[in-house]
Amino acid sequence: MKRTKDELLEAVRAHGGDTPDDFTIAMLEDISDSWVDEAVDNTEELEGLKAANAELTTAKDALQAAYDELKKSYADRFTLKEETEEDKEEATEDEEPEVVDTFDSIFED
């Protein structure tokens, strides 16, 4: 049901009773200040706000994804990963055999 400005003000006054609280007074003020009796075409403004909202939502989602990835990376620093057999084999293949000098080999030519 669509109400007029006066109907809304009266409904809020009735709700507030004889001693309205701060919220009721704020609502009365907001209705009085915000209500425009003449029809206003704010379609362009609404479309601009919708576009801005879509951009902000996209940016928020991108930031959230980056934050989640950062949190995961940070947490992964502290978890110990067990070495698989494949990792161990790669490590041994890459290492060069260590030459151990003996007492006799030092004096050999």
N, C-alpha and C. Protein backbone atom coordinates (compact mmCIF):
# COMPACT_ATOMS: atom_id res chain seq x y z
N MET A 1 0.84 -1.17 0.00
CA MET A 1 0.00 0.00 0.00
C MET A 1 0.90 1.24 0.00
N LYS A 2 0.66 2.10 -0.90
CA LYS A 2 1.43 3.33 -1.03
C LYS A 2 0.75 4.41 -0.19
N ARG A 3 1.54 5.06 0.67
CA ARG A 3 1.00 6.09 1.56
C ARG A 3 1.54 7.46 1.18
N THR A 4 0.80 8.46 1.56
CA THR A 4 1.24 9.83 1.34
C THR A 4 2.20 10.22 2.47
N LYS A 5 2.81 11.37 2.30
CA LYS A 5 3.75 11.87 3.30
C LYS A 5 3.04 12.06 4.64
N ASP A 6 1.86 12.65 4.61
CA ASP A 6 1.12 12.90 5.85
C ASP A 6 0.70 11.60 6.54
N GLU A 7 0.32 10.60 5.75
CA GLU A 7 -0.07 9.31 6.33
C GLU A 7 1.12 8.65 7.02
N LEU A 8 2.28 8.73 6.39
CA LEU A 8 3.49 8.15 7.00
C LEU A 8 3.87 8.89 8.29
N LEU A 9 3.83 10.21 8.24
CA LEU A 9 4.16 10.98 9.43
C LEU A 9 3.20 10.66 10.58
N GLU A 10 1.92 10.54 10.27
CA GLU A 10 0.93 10.22 11.30
C GLU A 10 1.15 8.82 11.87
N ALA A 11 1.53 7.86 11.02
CA ALA A 11 1.79 6.50 11.49
C ALA A 11 2.99 6.47 12.43
N VAL A 12 4.03 7.22 12.09
CA VAL A 12 5.21 7.27 12.94
C VAL A 12 4.89 7.99 14.26
N ARG A 13 4.10 9.08 14.18
CA ARG A 13 3.70 9.79 15.40
C ARG A 13 2.89 8.88 16.32
N ALA A 14 1.97 8.11 15.73
CA ALA A 14 1.14 7.20 16.52
C ALA A 14 2.00 6.12 17.17
N HIS A 15 2.99 5.65 16.45
CA HIS A 15 3.89 4.62 16.99
C HIS A 15 4.72 5.18 18.15
N GLY A 16 5.13 6.43 18.03
CA GLY A 16 5.95 7.06 19.06
C GLY A 16 5.18 7.40 20.32
N GLY A 17 3.88 7.60 20.21
CA GLY A 17 3.07 7.92 21.37
C GLY A 17 3.30 9.34 21.85
N ASP A 18 2.95 9.55 23.13
CA ASP A 18 3.06 10.89 23.71
C ASP A 18 4.50 11.31 23.96
N THR A 19 5.37 10.37 24.22
CA THR A 19 6.77 10.69 24.48
C THR A 19 7.63 9.90 23.49
N PRO A 20 7.79 10.44 22.29
CA PRO A 20 8.56 9.71 21.27
C PRO A 20 10.03 9.59 21.66
N ASP A 21 10.62 8.45 21.28
CA ASP A 21 12.06 8.25 21.54
C ASP A 21 12.87 8.89 20.42
N ASP A 22 14.17 8.83 20.55
CA ASP A 22 15.06 9.46 19.57
C ASP A 22 14.87 8.90 18.17
N PHE A 23 14.65 7.57 18.09
CA PHE A 23 14.48 6.94 16.78
C PHE A 23 13.22 7.46 16.09
N THR A 24 12.14 7.58 16.84
CA THR A 24 10.88 8.07 16.26
C THR A 24 11.05 9.50 15.76
N ILE A 25 11.70 10.33 16.54
CA ILE A 25 11.94 11.71 16.13
C ILE A 25 12.81 11.75 14.88
N ALA A 26 13.84 10.91 14.83
CA ALA A 26 14.71 10.85 13.65
C ALA A 26 13.93 10.40 12.42
N MET A 27 13.03 9.44 12.60
CA MET A 27 12.21 8.98 11.47
C MET A 27 11.29 10.09 10.97
N LEU A 28 10.67 10.81 11.87
CA LEU A 28 9.81 11.93 11.48
C LEU A 28 10.60 12.96 10.68
N GLU A 29 11.79 13.27 11.17
CA GLU A 29 12.65 14.24 10.48
C GLU A 29 13.07 13.72 9.11
N ASP A 30 13.46 12.44 9.04
CA ASP A 30 13.90 11.87 7.76
C ASP A 30 12.77 11.87 6.74
N ILE A 31 11.57 11.51 7.18
CA ILE A 31 10.43 11.49 6.25
C ILE A 31 10.15 12.90 5.76
N SER A 32 10.15 13.86 6.67
CA SER A 32 9.87 15.24 6.27
C SER A 32 10.93 15.78 5.32
N ASP A 33 12.20 15.49 5.60
CA ASP A 33 13.28 16.01 4.78
C ASP A 33 13.41 15.30 3.43
N SER A 34 13.07 14.02 3.41
CA SER A 34 13.32 13.21 2.22
C SER A 34 12.16 13.17 1.24
N TRP A 35 10.98 13.36 1.72
CA TRP A 35 9.80 13.20 0.87
C TRP A 35 9.71 14.34 -0.13
N VAL A 36 9.57 13.96 -1.39
CA VAL A 36 9.38 14.94 -2.45
C VAL A 36 8.00 14.69 -3.04
N ASP A 37 7.15 15.70 -2.98
CA ASP A 37 5.78 15.52 -3.44
C ASP A 37 5.67 15.35 -4.95
N GLU A 38 6.52 16.00 -5.69
CA GLU A 38 6.45 15.88 -7.14
C GLU A 38 7.22 14.64 -7.59
N ALA A 39 6.77 14.11 -8.68
CA ALA A 39 7.42 12.91 -9.22
C ALA A 39 8.80 13.29 -9.76
N VAL A 40 9.79 12.55 -9.35
CA VAL A 40 11.16 12.82 -9.77
C VAL A 40 11.66 11.60 -10.54
N ASP A 41 12.26 11.86 -11.69
CA ASP A 41 12.82 10.77 -12.48
C ASP A 41 14.29 10.62 -12.09
N ASN A 42 14.54 9.64 -11.29
CA ASN A 42 15.92 9.40 -10.84
C ASN A 42 16.48 8.11 -11.42
N THR A 43 15.96 7.73 -12.58
CA THR A 43 16.40 6.50 -13.23
C THR A 43 17.89 6.54 -13.54
N GLU A 44 18.35 7.67 -14.04
CA GLU A 44 19.77 7.80 -14.40
C GLU A 44 20.66 7.66 -13.16
N GLU A 45 20.24 8.29 -12.08
CA GLU A 45 21.00 8.20 -10.83
C GLU A 45 21.02 6.76 -10.31
N LEU A 46 19.87 6.08 -10.39
CA LEU A 46 19.80 4.69 -9.94
C LEU A 46 20.70 3.79 -10.78
N GLU A 47 20.72 4.01 -12.08
CA GLU A 47 21.58 3.20 -12.96
C GLU A 47 23.05 3.44 -12.63
N GLY A 48 23.41 4.68 -12.37
CA GLY A 48 24.79 4.98 -11.98
C GLY A 48 25.16 4.31 -10.68
N LEU A 49 24.24 4.33 -9.72
CA LEU A 49 24.50 3.67 -8.44
C LEU A 49 24.60 2.15 -8.59
N LYS A 50 23.77 1.59 -9.46
CA LYS A 50 23.85 0.15 -9.71
C LYS A 50 25.18 -0.23 -10.35
N ALA A 51 25.64 0.58 -11.30
CA ALA A 51 26.93 0.32 -11.95
C ALA A 51 28.07 0.43 -10.95
N ALA A 52 28.02 1.47 -10.11
CA ALA A 52 29.05 1.64 -9.09
C ALA A 52 29.04 0.48 -8.11
N ASN A 53 27.85 0.03 -7.75
CA ASN A 53 27.73 -1.10 -6.84
C ASN A 53 28.31 -2.37 -7.46
N ALA A 54 28.06 -2.58 -8.75
CA ALA A 54 28.61 -3.75 -9.43
C ALA A 54 30.13 -3.71 -9.45
N GLU A 55 30.70 -2.52 -9.71
CA GLU A 55 32.16 -2.37 -9.72
C GLU A 55 32.74 -2.63 -8.33
N LEU A 56 32.08 -2.10 -7.32
CA LEU A 56 32.57 -2.32 -5.95
C LEU A 56 32.47 -3.78 -5.56
N THR A 57 31.41 -4.45 -5.98
CA THR A 57 31.25 -5.87 -5.67
C THR A 57 32.35 -6.68 -6.35
N THR A 58 32.66 -6.35 -7.60
CA THR A 58 33.73 -7.05 -8.32
C THR A 58 35.07 -6.82 -7.64
N ALA A 59 35.33 -5.58 -7.26
CA ALA A 59 36.59 -5.27 -6.57
C ALA A 59 36.66 -5.98 -5.23
N LYS A 60 35.55 -6.02 -4.50
CA LYS A 60 35.51 -6.69 -3.20
C LYS A 60 35.80 -8.18 -3.37
N ASP A 61 35.18 -8.80 -4.39
CA ASP A 61 35.41 -10.21 -4.64
C ASP A 61 36.87 -10.50 -5.00
N ALA A 62 37.46 -9.62 -5.81
CA ALA A 62 38.87 -9.79 -6.18
C ALA A 62 39.78 -9.64 -4.96
N LEU A 63 39.49 -8.65 -4.13
CA LEU A 63 40.28 -8.46 -2.91
C LEU A 63 40.12 -9.64 -1.95
N GLN A 64 38.90 -10.15 -1.84
CA GLN A 64 38.65 -11.29 -0.96
C GLN A 64 39.42 -12.51 -1.45
N ALA A 65 39.42 -12.74 -2.76
CA ALA A 65 40.15 -13.88 -3.33
C ALA A 65 41.65 -13.73 -3.07
N ALA A 66 42.18 -12.52 -3.26
CA ALA A 66 43.60 -12.29 -3.01
C ALA A 66 43.93 -12.47 -1.53
N TYR A 67 43.05 -12.00 -0.67
CA TYR A 67 43.25 -12.14 0.78
C TYR A 67 43.22 -13.62 1.18
N ASP A 68 42.26 -14.37 0.64
CA ASP A 68 42.18 -15.80 0.95
C ASP A 68 43.43 -16.54 0.50
N GLU A 69 43.94 -16.19 -0.69
CA GLU A 69 45.15 -16.83 -1.20
C GLU A 69 46.36 -16.47 -0.33
N LEU A 70 46.43 -15.22 0.09
CA LEU A 70 47.51 -14.78 0.96
C LEU A 70 47.47 -15.51 2.30
N LYS A 71 46.28 -15.64 2.86
CA LYS A 71 46.13 -16.37 4.13
C LYS A 71 46.58 -17.82 3.98
N LYS A 72 46.18 -18.44 2.86
CA LYS A 72 46.55 -19.84 2.62
C LYS A 72 48.06 -19.97 2.48
N SER A 73 48.66 -19.07 1.70
CA SER A 73 50.11 -19.11 1.53
C SER A 73 50.84 -18.92 2.85
N TYR A 74 50.35 -18.00 3.65
CA TYR A 74 50.97 -17.73 4.95
C TYR A 74 50.83 -18.95 5.87
N ALA A 75 49.67 -19.54 5.89
CA ALA A 75 49.46 -20.73 6.73
C ALA A 75 50.32 -21.90 6.25
N ASP A 76 50.47 -22.02 4.93
CA ASP A 76 51.27 -23.11 4.37
C ASP A 76 52.74 -23.01 4.78
N ARG A 77 53.21 -21.83 5.11
CA ARG A 77 54.59 -21.67 5.56
C ARG A 77 54.86 -22.46 6.82
N PHE A 78 53.83 -22.61 7.64
CA PHE A 78 54.01 -23.21 8.95
C PHE A 78 53.61 -24.68 9.02
N THR A 79 53.10 -25.21 7.96
CA THR A 79 52.75 -26.62 7.96
C THR A 79 53.90 -27.40 7.34
N LEU A 80 54.24 -28.50 7.96
CA LEU A 80 55.35 -29.32 7.47
C LEU A 80 54.82 -30.28 6.43
N LYS A 81 55.40 -30.23 5.26
CA LYS A 81 55.00 -31.11 4.18
C LYS A 81 55.90 -32.35 4.22
N GLU A 82 55.27 -33.51 4.27
CA GLU A 82 56.06 -34.74 4.27
C GLU A 82 56.64 -34.95 2.89
N GLU A 83 57.92 -35.34 2.85
CA GLU A 83 58.56 -35.59 1.57
C GLU A 83 58.08 -36.92 1.02
N THR A 84 57.71 -36.91 -0.23
CA THR A 84 57.31 -38.15 -0.88
C THR A 84 58.57 -38.84 -1.40
N GLU A 85 58.42 -40.08 -1.81
CA GLU A 85 59.55 -40.84 -2.36
C GLU A 85 60.10 -40.13 -3.60
N GLU A 86 59.21 -39.54 -4.39
CA GLU A 86 59.63 -38.83 -5.60
C GLU A 86 60.52 -37.63 -5.25
N ASP A 87 60.12 -36.89 -4.20
CA ASP A 87 60.92 -35.74 -3.77
C ASP A 87 62.30 -36.19 -3.29
N LYS A 88 62.35 -37.30 -2.58
CA LYS A 88 63.62 -37.82 -2.07
C LYS A 88 64.53 -38.24 -3.21
N GLU A 89 63.95 -38.89 -4.25
CA GLU A 89 64.74 -39.33 -5.39
C GLU A 89 65.31 -38.12 -6.14
N GLU A 90 64.50 -37.10 -6.32
CA GLU A 90 64.97 -35.91 -7.00
C GLU A 90 66.10 -35.25 -6.22
N ALA A 91 66.00 -35.24 -4.93
CA ALA A 91 67.02 -34.62 -4.09
C ALA A 91 68.33 -35.38 -4.20
N THR A 92 68.28 -36.72 -4.22
CA THR A 92 69.51 -37.50 -4.31
C THR A 92 70.12 -37.42 -5.70
N GLU A 93 69.30 -37.30 -6.74
CA GLU A 93 69.83 -37.19 -8.11
C GLU A 93 70.56 -35.87 -8.31
N ASP A 94 70.06 -34.82 -7.71
CA ASP A 94 70.65 -33.50 -7.89
C ASP A 94 71.95 -33.32 -7.10
N GLU A 95 72.11 -34.06 -6.04
CA GLU A 95 73.29 -33.89 -5.20
C GLU A 95 74.50 -34.57 -5.82
N GLU A 96 75.65 -33.90 -5.76
CA GLU A 96 76.89 -34.50 -6.24
C GLU A 96 77.50 -35.29 -5.08
N PRO A 97 78.13 -36.39 -5.40
CA PRO A 97 78.74 -37.16 -4.32
C PRO A 97 79.83 -36.34 -3.64
N GLU A 98 79.81 -36.40 -2.35
CA GLU A 98 80.77 -35.62 -1.58
C GLU A 98 82.10 -36.37 -1.50
N VAL A 99 83.21 -35.71 -1.82
CA VAL A 99 84.54 -36.32 -1.78
C VAL A 99 85.11 -36.08 -0.39
N VAL A 100 85.46 -37.18 0.25
CA VAL A 100 86.02 -37.08 1.59
C VAL A 100 87.52 -37.30 1.49
N ASP A 101 88.26 -36.33 1.94
CA ASP A 101 89.71 -36.45 1.92
C ASP A 101 90.16 -37.30 3.11
N THR A 102 91.06 -38.22 2.80
CA THR A 102 91.66 -39.02 3.87
C THR A 102 93.06 -38.49 4.12
N PHE A 103 93.69 -38.96 5.19
CA PHE A 103 95.02 -38.52 5.52
C PHE A 103 95.99 -38.85 4.39
N ASP A 104 95.87 -40.05 3.82
CA ASP A 104 96.78 -40.47 2.75
C ASP A 104 96.53 -39.68 1.45
N SER A 105 95.26 -39.37 1.17
CA SER A 105 94.98 -38.69 -0.10
C SER A 105 95.47 -37.25 -0.10
N ILE A 106 95.65 -36.68 1.03
CA ILE A 106 96.15 -35.32 1.11
C ILE A 106 97.58 -35.23 0.59
N PHE A 107 98.40 -36.27 0.87
CA PHE A 107 99.81 -36.24 0.50
C PHE A 107 100.09 -36.91 -0.84
N GLU A 108 99.07 -37.41 -1.50
CA GLU A 108 99.28 -38.02 -2.82
C GLU A 108 99.30 -36.97 -3.89
N ASP A 109 100.08 -37.22 -4.96
CA ASP A 109 100.13 -36.28 -6.09
C ASP A 109 99.18 -36.64 -7.15
